[in-house]
Every structure is written in structure tokens, then in C-alpha cells.
Protein backbone atom coordinates (compact mmCIF):
# COMPACT_ATOMS: atom_id res chain seq x y z
CA MET A 1 -11.68 37.17 5.20
CA ALA A 2 -8.40 35.03 5.36
CA GLY A 3 -7.98 31.50 6.36
CA LYS A 4 -6.75 30.57 9.77
CA SER A 5 -3.39 29.65 8.65
CA GLY A 6 -0.65 27.52 11.11
CA SER A 7 2.95 27.13 11.28
CA THR A 8 3.21 24.13 9.52
CA PRO A 9 1.16 22.73 6.23
CA THR A 10 -1.34 19.89 6.99
CA THR A 11 -0.79 16.14 5.55
CA TYR A 12 -3.40 14.51 3.69
CA SER A 13 -2.40 11.10 2.76
CA PRO A 14 -4.78 8.38 2.35
CA SER A 15 -5.40 6.20 5.05
CA PRO A 16 -3.59 3.04 5.43
CA ALA A 17 -6.61 0.93 4.58
CA THR A 18 -6.10 1.82 1.06
CA ARG A 19 -2.38 1.63 0.82
CA LYS A 20 -0.78 -2.00 -0.36
CA LYS A 21 2.37 -2.87 0.87
CA LYS A 22 3.41 -5.62 -1.11
CA ARG A 23 5.00 -3.33 -3.98
CA ILE A 24 8.49 -3.01 -4.28
CA PRO A 25 10.90 0.04 -5.06
CA ILE A 26 11.04 0.94 -9.01
CA ALA A 27 14.71 -0.21 -9.97
CA ASP A 28 16.00 -1.61 -6.52
CA ALA A 29 14.96 -1.55 -2.96
CA ASP A 30 17.19 1.53 -2.28
CA TRP A 31 14.89 3.84 -4.67
CA VAL A 32 13.78 6.79 -2.70
CA ARG A 33 11.22 9.68 -4.41
CA PRO A 34 13.23 12.77 -5.13
CA ASP A 35 11.96 14.81 -2.35
CA ASN A 36 12.17 11.57 0.11
CA ARG A 37 8.42 10.89 0.29
CA GLY A 38 6.57 7.43 0.84
CA PHE A 39 5.09 6.27 -2.71
CA TYR A 40 1.61 6.82 -1.03
CA GLN A 41 2.44 10.19 0.83
CA CYS A 42 1.17 13.22 -0.29
CA ARG A 43 3.27 16.58 -0.10
CA PRO A 44 2.04 19.15 2.99
CA ALA A 45 -0.77 20.95 2.08
CA TYR A 46 -1.00 24.65 3.35
CA LEU A 47 -4.47 26.37 2.04
CA LYS A 48 -5.73 29.65 2.96
CA THR A 49 -8.70 31.80 1.68
CA GLY A 50 -9.38 35.98 1.20
CA ALA A 51 -6.00 36.03 -0.84
CA VAL A 52 -7.23 38.72 -3.36
CA SER A 53 -9.26 41.26 -1.52
CA THR A 54 -10.60 42.58 -4.89
CA ALA A 55 -12.41 39.46 -5.98
CA ALA A 56 -15.46 38.10 -4.58
CA GLY A 57 -13.55 35.09 -3.45
CA SER A 58 -10.27 33.71 -3.64
CA ALA A 59 -7.88 31.10 -2.51
CA TYR A 60 -4.21 30.52 -2.16
CA ALA A 61 -2.77 27.26 -2.35
CA GLU A 62 0.80 25.46 -1.69
CA PHE A 63 1.30 21.61 -1.92
CA GLY A 64 5.33 21.41 -1.61
CA ASN A 65 6.77 23.59 -4.47
CA THR A 66 3.29 24.22 -6.51
CA LYS A 67 1.82 27.34 -5.80
CA VAL A 68 -1.49 28.45 -6.76
CA ILE A 69 -3.80 31.52 -6.29
CA VAL A 70 -7.63 31.58 -7.66
CA SER A 71 -9.62 34.33 -7.79
CA VAL A 72 -13.66 34.33 -8.41
CA PHE A 73 -15.62 36.91 -9.67
CA GLY A 74 -19.65 37.08 -9.92
CA PRO A 75 -22.21 36.57 -10.33
CA ARG A 76 -22.36 38.96 -12.58
CA GLU A 77 -24.39 39.58 -15.60
CA SER A 78 -23.49 37.42 -18.73
CA LYS A 79 -22.64 39.42 -21.89
CA LYS A 80 -22.99 35.91 -23.84
CA ALA A 81 -26.50 35.43 -22.66
CA MET A 82 -28.61 37.27 -25.19
CA MET A 83 -31.94 35.22 -23.91
CA TYR A 84 -32.99 34.41 -20.55
CA SER A 85 -31.55 31.42 -19.43
CA ASP A 86 -32.72 29.40 -16.12
CA THR A 87 -28.97 28.41 -15.52
CA GLY A 88 -25.79 30.47 -14.80
CA ARG A 89 -22.70 30.50 -16.67
CA LEU A 90 -19.27 29.45 -15.70
CA ASN A 91 -16.18 30.82 -17.34
CA CYS A 92 -12.63 29.17 -16.27
CA ASN A 93 -9.06 30.41 -17.11
CA VAL A 94 -5.81 29.05 -15.78
CA SER A 95 -2.68 30.65 -16.69
CA TYR A 96 0.97 30.64 -15.46
CA THR A 97 3.25 33.43 -14.48
CA SER A 98 6.00 33.97 -16.81
CA PHE A 99 8.47 32.56 -13.88
CA ALA A 100 6.17 29.57 -12.92
CA THR A 101 8.30 26.94 -14.64
CA PRO A 102 12.55 26.50 -14.64
CA ASN A 103 12.31 27.23 -18.56
CA ARG A 104 10.59 30.73 -18.56
CA GLY A 105 7.47 31.09 -20.08
CA GLN A 106 6.67 27.44 -21.23
CA GLY A 107 4.04 26.55 -18.62
CA SER A 108 1.58 24.03 -19.80
CA ASP A 109 -1.21 24.23 -22.47
CA ASN A 110 -3.58 26.80 -20.91
CA LYS A 111 -6.86 26.13 -23.12
CA GLU A 112 -6.48 22.29 -22.26
CA LEU A 113 -6.06 23.10 -18.40
CA SER A 114 -8.79 25.58 -18.48
CA SER A 115 -11.12 23.34 -19.98
CA MET A 116 -10.23 20.35 -17.58
CA LEU A 117 -10.87 23.21 -14.74
CA HIS A 118 -14.45 23.93 -16.21
CA LYS A 119 -15.41 20.18 -16.38
CA ALA A 120 -14.16 19.59 -12.94
CA LEU A 121 -16.02 22.55 -11.80
CA GLU A 122 -19.13 22.39 -13.65
CA GLY A 123 -21.25 19.51 -11.79
CA VAL A 124 -20.57 20.78 -8.33
CA ILE A 125 -21.95 24.54 -8.82
CA ILE A 126 -25.50 24.87 -8.52
CA LEU A 127 -26.20 26.76 -11.63
CA GLU A 128 -29.84 27.52 -11.07
CA SER A 129 -28.85 29.67 -8.29
CA PHE A 130 -27.78 32.20 -10.53
CA PRO A 131 -29.83 32.52 -14.03
CA LYS A 132 -28.63 34.53 -16.50
CA THR A 133 -25.45 35.74 -14.92
CA CYS A 134 -22.04 34.14 -14.91
CA VAL A 135 -19.39 33.12 -12.56
CA ASP A 136 -15.63 33.65 -13.45
CA VAL A 137 -12.90 31.49 -12.18
CA PHE A 138 -9.27 32.65 -12.72
CA ALA A 139 -6.46 30.30 -11.58
CA LEU A 140 -2.67 31.54 -11.49
CA VAL A 141 0.09 29.19 -11.35
CA LEU A 142 2.92 30.77 -9.75
CA GLU A 143 5.36 28.01 -9.31
CA SER A 144 4.96 24.67 -10.81
CA GLY A 145 6.21 22.08 -8.72
CA GLY A 146 3.86 18.82 -10.47
CA SER A 147 0.60 17.94 -10.08
CA ASP A 148 -0.55 21.26 -11.04
CA LEU A 149 -3.82 20.59 -12.12
CA PRO A 150 -5.12 19.01 -9.12
CA VAL A 151 -3.89 22.06 -7.04
CA VAL A 152 -5.79 24.35 -9.16
CA ILE A 153 -8.95 22.69 -8.74
CA SER A 154 -8.93 22.27 -5.20
CA CYS A 155 -7.83 25.53 -4.94
CA ALA A 156 -10.77 26.85 -7.18
CA SER A 157 -13.05 24.92 -4.97
CA LEU A 158 -12.05 26.77 -1.92
CA ALA A 159 -12.45 30.25 -3.93
CA LEU A 160 -16.09 29.34 -4.86
CA ALA A 161 -16.69 28.82 -1.40
CA ASP A 162 -15.22 32.00 -0.02
CA ALA A 163 -17.38 33.68 -2.59
CA GLY A 164 -20.59 32.52 -1.30
CA ILE A 165 -21.29 30.31 -4.50
CA LEU A 166 -23.62 27.44 -3.84
CA LEU A 167 -22.15 24.31 -4.46
CA TYR A 168 -23.36 20.66 -3.93
CA ASP A 169 -20.05 20.02 -1.91
CA LEU A 170 -16.47 21.08 -2.36
CA VAL A 171 -14.38 19.03 -4.85
CA ALA A 172 -10.83 17.77 -3.88
CA SER A 173 -8.36 16.63 -6.74
CA VAL A 174 -5.36 14.28 -6.45
CA SER A 175 -3.25 12.25 -9.28
CA VAL A 176 -1.31 9.14 -9.12
CA SER A 177 1.95 8.47 -11.60
CA CYS A 178 2.70 4.74 -12.47
CA ILE A 179 6.45 4.45 -12.63
CA GLY A 180 7.58 1.03 -13.45
CA LYS A 181 5.43 -1.35 -11.38
CA ASN A 182 4.72 1.27 -9.04
CA PHE A 183 2.52 4.19 -7.87
CA VAL A 184 3.41 7.40 -6.47
CA ILE A 185 0.90 9.59 -5.29
CA ASP A 186 0.72 13.36 -5.65
CA PRO A 187 3.70 13.39 -8.17
CA ILE A 188 6.02 16.13 -8.37
CA SER A 189 7.58 17.63 -11.80
CA GLU A 190 10.54 15.29 -11.73
CA GLU A 191 8.10 11.86 -11.29
CA GLU A 192 5.76 13.37 -14.49
CA SER A 193 8.35 13.89 -16.60
CA TYR A 194 9.35 9.78 -16.48
CA GLN A 195 5.85 8.66 -15.82
CA ASP A 196 4.60 5.52 -17.65
CA GLY A 197 0.73 6.80 -17.04
CA SER A 198 -1.16 9.00 -15.01
CA LEU A 199 -4.46 9.03 -13.70
CA MET A 200 -6.20 11.85 -11.94
CA ILE A 201 -9.41 12.15 -9.69
CA THR A 202 -11.65 15.05 -8.94
CA CYS A 203 -14.50 14.09 -6.44
CA MET A 204 -16.94 15.29 -3.85
CA PRO A 205 -15.79 13.74 -0.91
CA SER A 206 -18.94 14.32 1.22
CA ARG A 207 -21.36 12.49 -1.32
CA ASN A 208 -18.78 10.06 -2.60
CA GLU A 209 -19.41 11.18 -6.22
CA VAL A 210 -16.54 11.64 -8.84
CA THR A 211 -16.82 14.57 -11.21
CA GLN A 212 -13.97 13.91 -13.39
CA LEU A 213 -11.48 11.34 -14.05
CA ILE A 214 -8.66 11.39 -16.32
CA VAL A 215 -6.33 8.60 -17.33
CA SER A 216 -3.13 8.60 -19.81
CA GLY A 217 -0.68 5.92 -20.46
CA GLY A 218 -1.54 2.35 -20.76
CA TRP A 219 -3.48 0.30 -17.53
CA SER A 220 -4.78 -2.74 -16.59
CA THR A 221 -7.99 -2.77 -14.96
CA PRO A 222 -6.69 -3.86 -11.67
CA LYS A 223 -4.17 -1.23 -11.92
CA ILE A 224 -6.88 1.48 -12.42
CA ASN A 225 -8.91 0.15 -9.35
CA GLU A 226 -6.01 0.47 -7.21
CA ALA A 227 -4.98 3.77 -8.57
CA MET A 228 -8.56 5.07 -8.11
CA GLU A 229 -8.83 3.73 -4.15
CA LEU A 230 -5.62 5.68 -3.36
CA CYS A 231 -6.92 8.93 -5.28
CA LEU A 232 -10.32 8.56 -3.60
CA GLY A 233 -8.65 8.14 -0.02
CA ALA A 234 -6.34 11.23 -0.54
CA CYS A 235 -9.34 13.23 -1.81
CA SER A 236 -11.55 12.02 1.58
CA LYS A 237 -8.22 13.50 3.68
CA LEU A 238 -7.72 16.69 1.49
CA GLY A 239 -11.55 17.56 1.79
CA GLU A 240 -11.34 17.30 5.74
CA VAL A 241 -8.60 20.12 5.13
CA MET A 242 -10.39 22.24 2.83
CA ARG A 243 -13.66 22.10 5.37
CA SER A 244 -10.90 22.91 8.32
CA CYS A 245 -9.73 26.00 6.38
CA LEU A 246 -13.66 27.20 5.85
CA LYS A 247 -14.24 26.48 9.19
CA ASP A 248 -11.29 28.66 10.40
CA VAL A 249 -12.60 31.60 8.50
CA VAL A 250 -16.00 31.43 10.05
CA THR A 251 -14.46 30.97 13.77
CA ASP A 252 -12.43 34.08 12.96
CA SER A 253 -14.86 36.20 11.50
CA LYS A 254 -16.62 35.56 15.22
CA GLU A 255 -13.99 36.53 17.24
């Protein structure tokens, strides 16, 4: 099944109530983001399920120039489970195509990203629903345009739902970069290259629960709180877009 695709991607920027208008541009009043977005404006998101016909479930996500495809296989017998286990096993793998980055073959650390993806998803899947079996999640970054991990996590959540894996909720992920005295949400690669710090949140929007928080760089408590508010607001909106994508699949299947 394929998700119903519109002619234009859907935006999911945080609501106006979560924005702080007191901030000024990084260097001067004329500073603008490389892609001309506002500081608190996320990239348009295009989501589609059923992208890989041979997988139990799959999804494709396109956030600006960041393009990701995720395939889910299983539940299937776990070769590592020698003894009976009441819970299932989750395996995650993240990789980059050789042409994903401008410098051919120089993607991010795949092992580290795979571990982060696993941590973001393991608390969302109802592992008790498939004892002594495993679910394999394979994420492939087709093009790296910035905020790769949040896009991978969100896309993986859709793929798991498409595969019929029981979840407590969908998970949405958004990151914020701190550049100078300002925050920019959903940063692109160029912005990430000169950021002073970054914060990424993965959460279950319907349950208002955070499954992962990753912070790098120097942050004060007030800054962390503000960045978290921005990310949570955007995650809530992104969650609505993701649920809409799944609802469209159900609607199309009934027609």
C-alpha cells in the first residue's frame, strides 16, 4: 500500500505559542537562513508508506533535501534467541548511499546512528507482542541534507506502523541548532556545520512522552528549556502529519 501523496509537501512548524519573538538574527538584522526559512520554520515534509514492496512495511520521507527510505522485516525467528524470551528483539541499521553526501562515501557514523535509532524506537514498540522473534529495521539515507537522524527516526516509525507492528504511539523527532544567540529548528547541513550546539528530541506526541533526548555543545538551563519547547511543538505537528499519512492509506485501501 502506498500513502496518498499530495502535490505539495506538508509543513509542520511549531505553533505560534511556542515561538519567542525577542530573538534577533545571528550577526545582523539582515541575516537569513540559507534556504530562506524563518528561524522557527521547519522544512516541508513529504511522507509515503509502502515504498518497498518486498518488505513487511516501509516508508519514504523527504524533508527538504534530506531523503530517507526505511524497510521493516519481521517479526521473524531470532537466530540469536537460543532460549525462550517473553519479549521480542529489535535490530536497527542505518546506512548511507555512496552519493548521499557531496563528498562521495563520507556519510555519518553508521554504528552510532544505528544505536541512536534503536534507543529511540525500543521504548515505543510493544516487544511482548512478538516473543522469541525479532523485527529488523533498515534505514537508508538516499540524500543527506541535514537533520538526518530525526528524519530517519520519524520515517522508521511510519514504516513500523505500515508493517503492523504494535506500537504505544508513533514517534516524531525534531532537532534544533544553536547558532550564536539564536535557535534554528530543523537545520540543514550548512547550518549544522557551524552550529554551537544542537538538541534533538524524539517523542510520542499523543502520549506526550519523550523517548530520546540528545544534547551536544554548551547549553544553559533556560536555553535547553526553550529549545525543548520548540522541538516538542514541532513534534506534535509532525505527529499529526504522520497520522494523516496512515489514515490516507486506510482510506485508499477501502476505495
